[in-house]
């Protein structure tokens, strides 16, 4: 009978120990939530900074590309003008030579 009572009392103490809730569980999720919010805010700030840096680099690259295109177009226009002038000079020479031939033949 003493063993039975001792077993029942031990069981009672054991069940009472397991039935207790951990101390202050309500603050732990709040702290985790606050930490998560802080980490998320930091990540958003870092993403925004990276996006800004990328946009700045894209704008710089676009500006450089546009500048190169303008330079190429200027060079092409200059070459075309030179070609047109050379053609005009050649046409003028040919016309002058033809006039000389006509003058010589007309005599």
PDB file of N, CA and C in Angstrom:
ATOM      1  N   UNK A   1       0.811  -1.180   0.000  1.00  0.00           N
ATOM      2  CA  UNK A   1       0.000   0.000   0.000  1.00  0.00           C
ATOM      3  C   UNK A   1       0.865   1.259   0.000  1.00  0.00           C
ATOM      4  N   UNK A   2       1.967   1.264   0.721  1.00  0.00           N
ATOM      5  CA  UNK A   2       2.864   2.420   0.748  1.00  0.00           C
ATOM      6  C   UNK A   2       3.461   2.677  -0.643  1.00  0.00           C
ATOM      7  N   UNK A   3       3.756   1.579  -1.361  1.00  0.00           N
ATOM      8  CA  UNK A   3       4.312   1.726  -2.714  1.00  0.00           C
ATOM      9  C   UNK A   3       3.271   2.346  -3.651  1.00  0.00           C
ATOM     10  N   UNK A   4       2.041   1.947  -3.480  1.00  0.00           N
ATOM     11  CA  UNK A   4       0.969   2.469  -4.313  1.00  0.00           C
ATOM     12  C   UNK A   4       0.769   3.967  -4.074  1.00  0.00           C
ATOM     13  N   UNK A   5       0.766   4.367  -2.845  1.00  0.00           N
ATOM     14  CA  UNK A   5       0.605   5.777  -2.503  1.00  0.00           C
ATOM     15  C   UNK A   5       1.810   6.581  -3.004  1.00  0.00           C
ATOM     16  N   UNK A   6       3.003   6.042  -2.854  1.00  0.00           N
ATOM     17  CA  UNK A   6       4.216   6.717  -3.320  1.00  0.00           C
ATOM     18  C   UNK A   6       4.192   6.877  -4.830  1.00  0.00           C
ATOM     19  N   UNK A   7       3.710   5.875  -5.537  1.00  0.00           N
ATOM     20  CA  UNK A   7       3.621   5.941  -7.000  1.00  0.00           C
ATOM     21  C   UNK A   7       2.597   6.984  -7.425  1.00  0.00           C
ATOM     22  N   UNK A   8       1.463   7.017  -6.734  1.00  0.00           N
ATOM     23  CA  UNK A   8       0.427   8.001  -7.060  1.00  0.00           C
ATOM     24  C   UNK A   8       0.923   9.436  -6.811  1.00  0.00           C
ATOM     25  N   UNK A   9       1.606   9.629  -5.693  1.00  0.00           N
ATOM     26  CA  UNK A   9       2.133  10.959  -5.383  1.00  0.00           C
ATOM     27  C   UNK A   9       3.203  11.363  -6.388  1.00  0.00           C
ATOM     28  N   UNK A  10       4.079  10.447  -6.785  1.00  0.00           N
ATOM     29  CA  UNK A  10       5.128  10.728  -7.774  1.00  0.00           C
ATOM     30  C   UNK A  10       4.492  11.077  -9.116  1.00  0.00           C
ATOM     31  N   UNK A  11       3.432  10.330  -9.454  1.00  0.00           N
ATOM     32  CA  UNK A  11       2.709  10.617 -10.701  1.00  0.00           C
ATOM     33  C   UNK A  11       2.064  11.981 -10.678  1.00  0.00           C
ATOM     34  N   UNK A  12       1.520  12.344  -9.535  1.00  0.00           N
ATOM     35  CA  UNK A  12       0.895  13.660  -9.385  1.00  0.00           C
ATOM     36  C   UNK A  12       1.905  14.781  -9.570  1.00  0.00           C
ATOM     37  N   UNK A  13       3.061  14.614  -8.924  1.00  0.00           N
ATOM     38  CA  UNK A  13       4.106  15.636  -9.088  1.00  0.00           C
ATOM     39  C   UNK A  13       4.611  15.700 -10.530  1.00  0.00           C
ATOM     40  N   UNK A  14       4.756  14.553 -11.165  1.00  0.00           N
ATOM     41  CA  UNK A  14       5.249  14.517 -12.548  1.00  0.00           C
ATOM     42  C   UNK A  14       4.253  15.197 -13.488  1.00  0.00           C
ATOM     43  N   UNK A  15       2.984  14.905 -13.317  1.00  0.00           N
ATOM     44  CA  UNK A  15       1.982  15.518 -14.200  1.00  0.00           C
ATOM     45  C   UNK A  15       1.877  17.020 -13.941  1.00  0.00           C
ATOM     46  N   UNK A  16       2.058  17.422 -12.711  1.00  0.00           N
ATOM     47  CA  UNK A  16       2.013  18.849 -12.389  1.00  0.00           C
ATOM     48  C   UNK A  16       3.187  19.580 -13.026  1.00  0.00           C
ATOM     49  N   UNK A  17       4.341  18.948 -13.069  1.00  0.00           N
ATOM     50  CA  UNK A  17       5.529  19.571 -13.662  1.00  0.00           C
ATOM     51  C   UNK A  17       5.352  19.744 -15.168  1.00  0.00           C
ATOM     52  N   UNK A  18       4.765  18.757 -15.828  1.00  0.00           N
ATOM     53  CA  UNK A  18       4.559  18.852 -17.271  1.00  0.00           C
ATOM     54  C   UNK A  18       3.396  19.760 -17.634  1.00  0.00           C
ATOM     55  N   UNK A  19       2.480  19.967 -16.757  1.00  0.00           N
ATOM     56  CA  UNK A  19       1.301  20.786 -17.031  1.00  0.00           C
ATOM     57  C   UNK A  19       1.601  22.269 -16.958  1.00  0.00           C
ATOM     58  N   UNK A  20       2.711  22.652 -16.335  1.00  0.00           N
ATOM     59  CA  UNK A  20       3.029  24.079 -16.225  1.00  0.00           C
ATOM     60  C   UNK A  20       3.436  24.643 -17.582  1.00  0.00           C
ATOM     61  N   UNK A  21       2.993  25.843 -17.837  1.00  0.00           N
ATOM     62  CA  UNK A  21       3.337  26.525 -19.082  1.00  0.00           C
ATOM     63  C   UNK A  21       4.702  27.187 -18.913  1.00  0.00           C
ATOM     64  N   UNK A  22       5.444  27.329 -19.999  1.00  0.00           N
ATOM     65  CA  UNK A  22       6.734  28.023 -19.901  1.00  0.00           C
ATOM     66  C   UNK A  22       6.518  29.475 -19.470  1.00  0.00           C
ATOM     67  N   UNK A  23       7.504  30.004 -18.811  1.00  0.00           N
ATOM     68  CA  UNK A  23       7.393  31.361 -18.272  1.00  0.00           C
ATOM     69  C   UNK A  23       7.429  32.386 -19.391  1.00  0.00           C
ATOM     70  N   UNK A  24       6.478  33.301 -19.416  1.00  0.00           N
ATOM     71  CA  UNK A  24       6.429  34.476 -20.293  1.00  0.00           C
ATOM     72  C   UNK A  24       6.600  34.132 -21.772  1.00  0.00           C
ATOM     73  N   UNK A  25       5.714  33.335 -22.328  1.00  0.00           N
ATOM     74  CA  UNK A  25       5.776  32.999 -23.758  1.00  0.00           C
ATOM     75  C   UNK A  25       5.219  34.104 -24.631  1.00  0.00           C
ATOM     76  N   UNK A  26       4.489  35.022 -24.052  1.00  0.00           N
ATOM     77  CA  UNK A  26       3.877  36.076 -24.860  1.00  0.00           C
ATOM     78  C   UNK A  26       4.906  37.080 -25.379  1.00  0.00           C
ATOM     79  N   UNK A  27       5.992  37.302 -24.665  1.00  0.00           N
ATOM     80  CA  UNK A  27       6.979  38.286 -25.107  1.00  0.00           C
ATOM     81  C   UNK A  27       7.883  37.730 -26.205  1.00  0.00           C
ATOM     82  N   UNK A  28       8.081  36.446 -26.259  1.00  0.00           N
ATOM     83  CA  UNK A  28       8.973  35.860 -27.248  1.00  0.00           C
ATOM     84  C   UNK A  28       8.472  36.094 -28.676  1.00  0.00           C
ATOM     85  N   UNK A  29       7.205  35.811 -28.996  1.00  0.00           N
ATOM     86  CA  UNK A  29       6.763  36.090 -30.375  1.00  0.00           C
ATOM     87  C   UNK A  29       6.818  37.579 -30.708  1.00  0.00           C
ATOM     88  N   UNK A  30       6.548  38.436 -29.747  1.00  0.00           N
ATOM     89  CA  UNK A  30       6.611  39.869 -30.011  1.00  0.00           C
ATOM     90  C   UNK A  30       8.036  40.293 -30.327  1.00  0.00           C
ATOM     91  N   UNK A  31       8.988  39.734 -29.613  1.00  0.00           N
ATOM     92  CA  UNK A  31      10.390  40.060 -29.867  1.00  0.00           C
ATOM     93  C   UNK A  31      10.794  39.527 -31.241  1.00  0.00           C
ATOM     94  N   UNK A  32      10.353  38.316 -31.566  1.00  0.00           N
ATOM     95  CA  UNK A  32      10.667  37.763 -32.878  1.00  0.00           C
ATOM     96  C   UNK A  32      10.025  38.606 -33.978  1.00  0.00           C
ATOM     97  N   UNK A  33       8.813  39.015 -33.762  1.00  0.00           N
ATOM     98  CA  UNK A  33       8.120  39.825 -34.758  1.00  0.00           C
ATOM     99  C   UNK A  33       8.833  41.166 -34.936  1.00  0.00           C
ATOM    100  N   UNK A  34       9.242  41.761 -33.829  1.00  0.00           N
ATOM    101  CA  UNK A  34       9.950  43.044 -33.898  1.00  0.00           C
ATOM    102  C   UNK A  34      11.283  42.859 -34.633  1.00  0.00           C
ATOM    103  N   UNK A  35      11.982  41.774 -34.327  1.00  0.00           N
ATOM    104  CA  UNK A  35      13.258  41.506 -34.989  1.00  0.00           C
ATOM    105  C   UNK A  35      13.047  41.234 -36.476  1.00  0.00           C
ATOM    106  N   UNK A  36      11.984  40.492 -36.779  1.00  0.00           N
ATOM    107  CA  UNK A  36      11.688  40.209 -38.184  1.00  0.00           C
ATOM    108  C   UNK A  36      11.342  41.494 -38.929  1.00  0.00           C
ATOM    109  N   UNK A  37      10.574  42.350 -38.300  1.00  0.00           N
ATOM    110  CA  UNK A  37      10.204  43.626 -38.922  1.00  0.00           C
ATOM    111  C   UNK A  37      11.447  44.479 -39.164  1.00  0.00           C
ATOM    112  N   UNK A  38      12.344  44.479 -38.199  1.00  0.00           N
ATOM    113  CA  UNK A  38      13.578  45.252 -38.337  1.00  0.00           C
ATOM    114  C   UNK A  38      14.426  44.694 -39.488  1.00  0.00           C
ATOM    115  N   UNK A  39      14.512  43.353 -39.554  1.00  0.00           N
ATOM    116  CA  UNK A  39      15.290  42.723 -40.622  1.00  0.00           C
ATOM    117  C   UNK A  39      14.651  42.992 -41.981  1.00  0.00           C
ATOM    118  N   UNK A  40      13.317  42.950 -42.029  1.00  0.00           N
ATOM    119  CA  UNK A  40      12.628  43.215 -43.291  1.00  0.00           C
ATOM    120  C   UNK A  40      12.830  44.661 -43.732  1.00  0.00           C
ATOM    121  N   UNK A  41      12.761  45.580 -42.787  1.00  0.00           N
ATOM    122  CA  UNK A  41      12.980  46.994 -43.092  1.00  0.00           C
ATOM    123  C   UNK A  41      14.388  47.203 -43.646  1.00  0.00           C
ATOM    124  N   UNK A  42      15.341  46.514 -43.024  1.00  0.00           N
ATOM    125  CA  UNK A  42      16.731  46.625 -43.465  1.00  0.00           C
ATOM    126  C   UNK A  42      16.880  46.066 -44.881  1.00  0.00           C
ATOM    127  N   UNK A  43      16.205  44.934 -45.158  1.00  0.00           N
ATOM    128  CA  UNK A  43      16.274  44.323 -46.483  1.00  0.00           C
ATOM    129  C   UNK A  43      15.632  45.231 -47.531  1.00  0.00           C
ATOM    130  N   UNK A  44      14.506  45.842 -47.200  1.00  0.00           N
ATOM    131  CA  UNK A  44      13.830  46.750 -48.130  1.00  0.00           C
ATOM    132  C   UNK A  44      14.717  47.957 -48.422  1.00  0.00           C
ATOM    133  N   UNK A  45      15.354  48.474 -47.391  1.00  0.00           N
ATOM    134  CA  UNK A  45      16.244  49.623 -47.562  1.00  0.00           C
ATOM    135  C   UNK A  45      17.430  49.250 -48.459  1.00  0.00           C
ATOM    136  N   UNK A  46      17.973  48.049 -48.243  1.00  0.00           N
ATOM    137  CA  UNK A  46      19.101  47.598 -49.063  1.00  0.00           C
ATOM    138  C   UNK A  46      18.660  47.403 -50.510  1.00  0.00           C
ATOM    139  N   UNK A  47      17.447  46.854 -50.719  1.00  0.00           N
ATOM    140  CA  UNK A  47      16.931  46.671 -52.074  1.00  0.00           C
ATOM    141  C   UNK A  47      16.740  48.016 -52.773  1.00  0.00           C
ATOM    142  N   UNK A  48      16.200  48.968 -52.049  1.00  0.00           N
ATOM    143  CA  UNK A  48      15.988  50.300 -52.626  1.00  0.00           C
ATOM    144  C   UNK A  48      17.318  50.934 -53.011  1.00  0.00           C
ATOM    145  N   UNK A  49      18.295  50.763 -52.146  1.00  0.00           N
ATOM    146  CA  UNK A  49      19.625  51.322 -52.427  1.00  0.00           C
ATOM    147  C   UNK A  49      20.223  50.655 -53.665  1.00  0.00           C
ATOM    148  N   UNK A  50      20.068  49.336 -53.762  1.00  0.00           N
ATOM    149  CA  UNK A  50      20.592  48.609 -54.918  1.00  0.00           C
ATOM    150  C   UNK A  50      19.870  49.021 -56.195  1.00  0.00           C
ATOM    151  N   UNK A  51      18.537  49.198 -56.104  1.00  0.00           N
ATOM    152  CA  UNK A  51      17.772  49.632 -57.271  1.00  0.00           C
ATOM    153  C   UNK A  51      18.211  51.018 -57.735  1.00  0.00           C
ATOM    154  N   UNK A  52      18.437  51.900 -56.772  1.00  0.00           N
ATOM    155  CA  UNK A  52      18.866  53.259 -57.100  1.00  0.00           C
ATOM    156  C   UNK A  52      20.234  53.226 -57.789  1.00  0.00           C
ATOM    157  N   UNK A  53      21.122  52.396 -57.256  1.00  0.00           N
ATOM    158  CA  UNK A  53      22.464  52.281 -57.822  1.00  0.00           C
ATOM    159  C   UNK A  53      22.398  51.709 -59.242  1.00  0.00           C
ATOM    160  N   UNK A  54      21.524  50.712 -59.436  1.00  0.00           N
ATOM    161  CA  UNK A  54      21.368  50.099 -60.749  1.00  0.00           C
ATOM    162  C   UNK A  54      20.778  51.094 -61.747  1.00  0.00           C
ATOM    163  N   UNK A  55      19.793  51.861 -61.307  1.00  0.00           N
ATOM    164  CA  UNK A  55      19.176  52.860 -62.184  1.00  0.00           C
ATOM    165  C   UNK A  55      20.196  53.923 -62.584  1.00  0.00           C
ATOM    166  N   UNK A  56      21.031  54.318 -61.634  1.00  0.00           N
ATOM    167  CA  UNK A  56      22.066  55.307 -61.917  1.00  0.00           C
ATOM    168  C   UNK A  56      23.065  54.754 -62.940  1.00  0.00           C
ATOM    169  N   UNK A  57      23.439  53.485 -62.773  1.00  0.00           N
ATOM    170  CA  UNK A  57      24.376  52.860 -63.711  1.00  0.00           C
ATOM    171  C   UNK A  57      23.747  52.734 -65.097  1.00  0.00           C
ATOM    172  N   UNK A  58      22.447  52.382 -65.146  1.00  0.00           N
ATOM    173  CA  UNK A  58      21.760  52.280 -66.429  1.00  0.00           C
ATOM    174  C   UNK A  58      21.702  53.634 -67.131  1.00  0.00           C
ATOM    175  N   UNK A  59      21.400  54.677 -66.369  1.00  0.00           N
ATOM    176  CA  UNK A  59      21.335  56.017 -66.944  1.00  0.00           C
ATOM    177  C   UNK A  59      22.698  56.434 -67.487  1.00  0.00           C
ATOM    178  N   UNK A  60      23.737  56.105 -66.746  1.00  0.00           N
ATOM    179  CA  UNK A  60      25.097  56.446 -67.181  1.00  0.00           C
ATOM    180  C   UNK A  60      25.446  55.694 -68.467  1.00  0.00           C
ATOM    181  N   UNK A  61      25.075  54.404 -68.522  1.00  0.00           N
ATOM    182  CA  UNK A  61      25.351  53.602 -69.715  1.00  0.00           C
ATOM    183  C   UNK A  61      24.552  54.120 -70.913  1.00  0.00           C
ATOM    184  N   UNK A  62      23.287  54.494 -70.676  1.00  0.00           N
ATOM    185  CA  UNK A  62      22.463  55.038 -71.758  1.00  0.00           C
ATOM    186  C   UNK A  62      23.046  56.335 -72.294  1.00  0.00           C
ATOM    187  N   UNK A  63      23.511  57.179 -71.374  1.00  0.00           N
ATOM    188  CA  UNK A  63      24.100  58.456 -71.779  1.00  0.00           C
ATOM    189  C   UNK A  63      25.349  58.209 -72.626  1.00  0.00           C
ATOM    190  N   UNK A  64      26.168  57.256 -72.184  1.00  0.00           N
ATOM    191  CA  UNK A  64      27.398  56.935 -72.904  1.00  0.00           C
ATOM    192  C   UNK A  64      27.073  56.376 -74.293  1.00  0.00           C
ATOM    193  N   UNK A  65      26.058  55.512 -74.352  1.00  0.00           N
ATOM    194  CA  UNK A  65      25.654  54.922 -75.628  1.00  0.00           C
ATOM    195  C   UNK A  65      25.105  55.990 -76.581  1.00  0.00           C
ATOM    196  N   UNK A  66      24.300  56.894 -76.056  1.00  0.00           N
ATOM    197  CA  UNK A  66      23.736  57.971 -76.865  1.00  0.00           C
ATOM    198  C   UNK A  66      24.840  58.871 -77.398  1.00  0.00           C
ATOM    199  N   UNK A  67      25.799  59.167 -76.530  1.00  0.00           N
ATOM    200  CA  UNK A  67      26.930  60.007 -76.934  1.00  0.00           C
ATOM    201  C   UNK A  67      27.708  59.334 -78.067  1.00  0.00           C
ATOM    202  N   UNK A  68      27.915  58.016 -77.955  1.00  0.00           N
ATOM    203  CA  UNK A  68      28.637  57.279 -78.992  1.00  0.00           C
ATOM    204  C   UNK A  68      27.852  57.273 -80.305  1.00  0.00           C
ATOM    205  N   UNK A  69      26.518  57.128 -80.205  1.00  0.00           N
ATOM    206  CA  UNK A  69      25.684  57.141 -81.411  1.00  0.00           C
ATOM    207  C   UNK A  69      25.745  58.499 -82.103  1.00  0.00           C
ATOM    208  N   UNK A  70      25.690  59.569 -81.326  1.00  0.00           N
ATOM    209  CA  UNK A  70      25.760  60.918 -81.892  1.00  0.00           C
ATOM    210  C   UNK A  70      27.106  61.126 -82.573  1.00  0.00           C
ATOM    211  N   UNK A  71      28.162  60.654 -81.932  1.00  0.00           N
ATOM    212  CA  UNK A  71      29.506  60.792 -82.507  1.00  0.00           C
ATOM    213  C   UNK A  71      29.598  60.026 -83.831  1.00  0.00           C
ATOM    214  N   UNK A  72      29.023  58.811 -83.861  1.00  0.00           N
ATOM    215  CA  UNK A  72      29.053  58.008 -85.082  1.00  0.00           C
ATOM    216  C   UNK A  72      28.236  58.673 -86.191  1.00  0.00           C
ATOM    217  N   UNK A  73      27.086  59.237 -85.833  1.00  0.00           N
ATOM    218  CA  UNK A  73      26.254  59.921 -86.825  1.00  0.00           C
ATOM    219  C   UNK A  73      26.964  61.153 -87.382  1.00  0.00           C
ATOM    220  N   UNK A  74      27.657  61.889 -86.514  1.00  0.00           N
ATOM    221  CA  UNK A  74      28.421  63.057 -86.977  1.00  0.00           C
ATOM    222  C   UNK A  74      29.503  62.630 -87.961  1.00  0.00           C
ATOM    223  N   UNK A  75      30.208  61.546 -87.611  1.00  0.00           N
ATOM    224  CA  UNK A  75      31.277  61.065 -88.480  1.00  0.00           C
ATOM    225  C   UNK A  75      30.702  60.608 -89.820  1.00  0.00           C
ATOM    226  N   UNK A  76      29.552  59.956 -89.774  1.00  0.00           N
ATOM    227  CA  UNK A  76      28.911  59.493 -91.010  1.00  0.00           C
ATOM    228  C   UNK A  76      28.465  60.682 -91.860  1.00  0.00           C
ATOM    229  N   UNK A  77      27.895  61.700 -91.227  1.00  0.00           N
ATOM    230  CA  UNK A  77      27.461  62.895 -91.948  1.00  0.00           C
ATOM    231  C   UNK A  77      28.655  63.611 -92.574  1.00  0.00           C
ATOM    232  N   UNK A  78      29.748  63.669 -91.824  1.00  0.00           N
ATOM    233  CA  UNK A  78      30.963  64.325 -92.332  1.00  0.00           C
ATOM    234  C   UNK A  78      31.508  63.565 -93.545  1.00  0.00           C
ATOM    235  N   UNK A  79      31.512  62.241 -93.450  1.00  0.00           N
ATOM    236  CA  UNK A  79      32.009  61.424 -94.562  1.00  0.00           C
ATOM    237  C   UNK A  79      31.094  61.579 -95.780  1.00  0.00           C
ATOM    238  N   UNK A  80      29.800  61.642 -95.537  1.00  0.00           N
ATOM    239  CA  UNK A  80      28.850  61.821 -96.644  1.00  0.00           C
ATOM    240  C   UNK A  80      29.054  63.182 -97.312  1.00  0.00           C
ATOM    241  N   UNK A  81      29.231  64.209 -96.490  1.00  0.00           N
ATOM    242  CA  UNK A  81      29.456  65.551 -97.038  1.00  0.00           C
ATOM    243  C   UNK A  81      30.736  65.580 -97.869  1.00  0.00           C
ATOM    244  N   UNK A  82      31.750  64.905 -97.391  1.00  0.00           N
ATOM    245  CA  UNK A  82      33.026  64.845 -98.116  1.00  0.00           C
ATOM    246  C   UNK A  82      32.836  64.127 -99.457  1.00  0.00           C
ATOM    247  N   UNK A  83      32.051  63.058 -99.428  1.00  0.00           N
ATOM    248  CA  UNK A  83      31.793  62.290-100.644  1.00  0.00           C
ATOM    249  C   UNK A  83      30.997  63.128-101.651  1.00  0.00           C
ATOM    250  N   UNK A  84      29.993  63.867-101.154  1.00  0.00           N
ATOM    251  CA  UNK A  84      29.179  64.723-102.025  1.00  0.00           C
ATOM    252  C   UNK A  84      30.044  65.822-102.630  1.00  0.00           C
ATOM    253  N   UNK A  85      30.921  66.407-101.814  1.00  0.00           N
ATOM    254  CA  UNK A  85      31.802  67.467-102.317  1.00  0.00           C
ATOM    255  C   UNK A  85      32.745  66.925-103.385  1.00  0.00           C
ATOM    256  N   UNK A  86      33.280  65.729-103.122  1.00  0.00           N
ATOM    257  CA  UNK A  86      34.184  65.130-104.102  1.00  0.00           C
ATOM    258  C   UNK A  86      33.441  64.851-105.407  1.00  0.00           C
ATOM    259  N   UNK A  87      32.209  64.384-105.298  1.00  0.00           N
ATOM    260  CA  UNK A  87      31.419  64.113-106.494  1.00  0.00           C
ATOM    261  C   UNK A  87      31.131  65.415-107.251  1.00  0.00           C
ATOM    262  N   UNK A  88      30.795  66.466-106.491  1.00  0.00           N
ATOM    263  CA  UNK A  88      30.528  67.759-107.130  1.00  0.00           C
ATOM    264  C   UNK A  88      31.778  68.289-107.821  1.00  0.00           C
ATOM    265  N   UNK A  89      32.922  68.144-107.157  1.00  0.00           N
ATOM    266  CA  UNK A  89      34.188  68.596-107.774  1.00  0.00           C
ATOM    267  C   UNK A  89      34.483  67.814-109.050  1.00  0.00           C
ATOM    268  N   UNK A  90      34.250  66.504-108.990  1.00  0.00           N
ATOM    269  CA  UNK A  90      34.502  65.663-110.162  1.00  0.00           C
ATOM    270  C   UNK A  90      33.553  66.035-111.297  1.00  0.00           C
ATOM    271  N   UNK A  91      32.311  66.297-110.956  1.00  0.00           N
ATOM    272  CA  UNK A  91      31.331  66.693-111.977  1.00  0.00           C
ATOM    273  C   UNK A  91      31.725  68.032-112.599  1.00  0.00           C
ATOM    274  N   UNK A  92      32.192  68.953-111.738  1.00  0.00           N
ATOM    275  CA  UNK A  92      32.621  70.259-112.226  1.00  0.00           C
ATOM    276  C   UNK A  92      33.834  70.128-113.149  1.00  0.00           C
ATOM    277  N   UNK A  93      34.773  69.285-112.765  1.00  0.00           N
ATOM    278  CA  UNK A  93      35.955  69.060-113.608  1.00  0.00           C
ATOM    279  C   UNK A  93      35.546  68.461-114.942  1.00  0.00           C
ATOM    280  N   UNK A  94      34.636  67.491-114.879  1.00  0.00           N
ATOM    281  CA  UNK A  94      34.189  66.822-116.095  1.00  0.00           C
ATOM    282  C   UNK A  94      33.479  67.820-117.004  1.00  0.00           C
ATOM    283  N   UNK A  95      32.663  68.689-116.399  1.00  0.00           N
ATOM    284  CA  UNK A  95      31.963  69.700-117.190  1.00  0.00           C
ATOM    285  C   UNK A  95      32.964  70.684-117.809  1.00  0.00           C
ATOM    286  N   UNK A  96      33.989  71.044-117.035  1.00  0.00           N
ATOM    287  CA  UNK A  96      35.030  71.945-117.559  1.00  0.00           C
ATOM    288  C   UNK A  96      35.796  71.294-118.699  1.00  0.00           C
ATOM    289  N   UNK A  97      36.092  70.021-118.526  1.00  0.00           N
ATOM    290  CA  UNK A  97      36.812  69.308-119.581  1.00  0.00           C
ATOM    291  C   UNK A  97      35.943  69.189-120.823  1.00  0.00           C
ATOM    292  N   UNK A  98      34.680  68.941-120.621  1.00  0.00           N
ATOM    293  CA  UNK A  98      33.754  68.830-121.750  1.00  0.00           C
ATOM    294  C   UNK A  98      33.640  70.170-122.472  1.00  0.00           C
ATOM    295  N   UNK A  99      33.628  71.245-121.709  1.00  0.00           N
ATOM    296  CA  UNK A  99      33.569  72.591-122.303  1.00  0.00           C
ATOM    297  C   UNK A  99      34.821  72.860-123.123  1.00  0.00           C
ATOM    298  N   UNK A 100      35.978  72.421-122.615  1.00  0.00           N
ATOM    299  CA  UNK A 100      37.209  72.590-123.362  1.00  0.00           C
ATOM    300  C   UNK A 100      37.187  71.786-124.653  1.00  0.00           C
ATOM    301  N   UNK A 101      36.653  70.557-124.563  1.00  0.00           N
ATOM    302  CA  UNK A 101      36.552  69.721-125.770  1.00  0.00           C
ATOM    303  C   UNK A 101      35.610  70.361-126.763  1.00  0.00           C
ATOM    304  N   UNK A 102      34.481  70.864-126.280  1.00  0.00           N
ATOM    305  CA  UNK A 102      33.518  71.504-127.163  1.00  0.00           C
ATOM    306  C   UNK A 102      34.115  72.756-127.798  1.00  0.00           C
ATOM    307  N   UNK A 103      34.866  73.495-127.011  1.00  0.00           N
ATOM    308  CA  UNK A 103      35.499  74.698-127.536  1.00  0.00           C
ATOM    309  C   UNK A 103      36.527  74.340-128.599  1.00  0.00           C
ATOM    310  N   UNK A 104      37.273  73.294-128.342  1.00  0.00           N
ATOM    311  CA  UNK A 104      38.291  72.862-129.289  1.00  0.00           C
ATOM    312  C   UNK A 104      37.646  72.321-130.554  1.00  0.00           C
ATOM    313  N   UNK A 105      36.591  71.585-130.436  1.00  0.00           N
ATOM    314  CA  UNK A 105      35.915  70.991-131.587  1.00  0.00           C
ATOM    315  C   UNK A 105      35.166  72.074-132.390  1.00  0.00           C
ATOM    316  N   UNK A 106      34.726  73.077-131.711  1.00  0.00           N
ATOM    317  CA  UNK A 106      33.961  74.130-132.367  1.00  0.00           C
ATOM    318  C   UNK A 106      34.831  75.020-133.216  1.00  0.00           C
ATOM    319  N   UNK A 107      36.096  75.019-133.046  1.00  0.00           N
ATOM    320  CA  UNK A 107      36.968  75.906-133.811  1.00  0.00           C
ATOM    321  C   UNK A 107      37.136  75.424-135.173  1.00  0.00           C
TER     322      UNK A 107
END
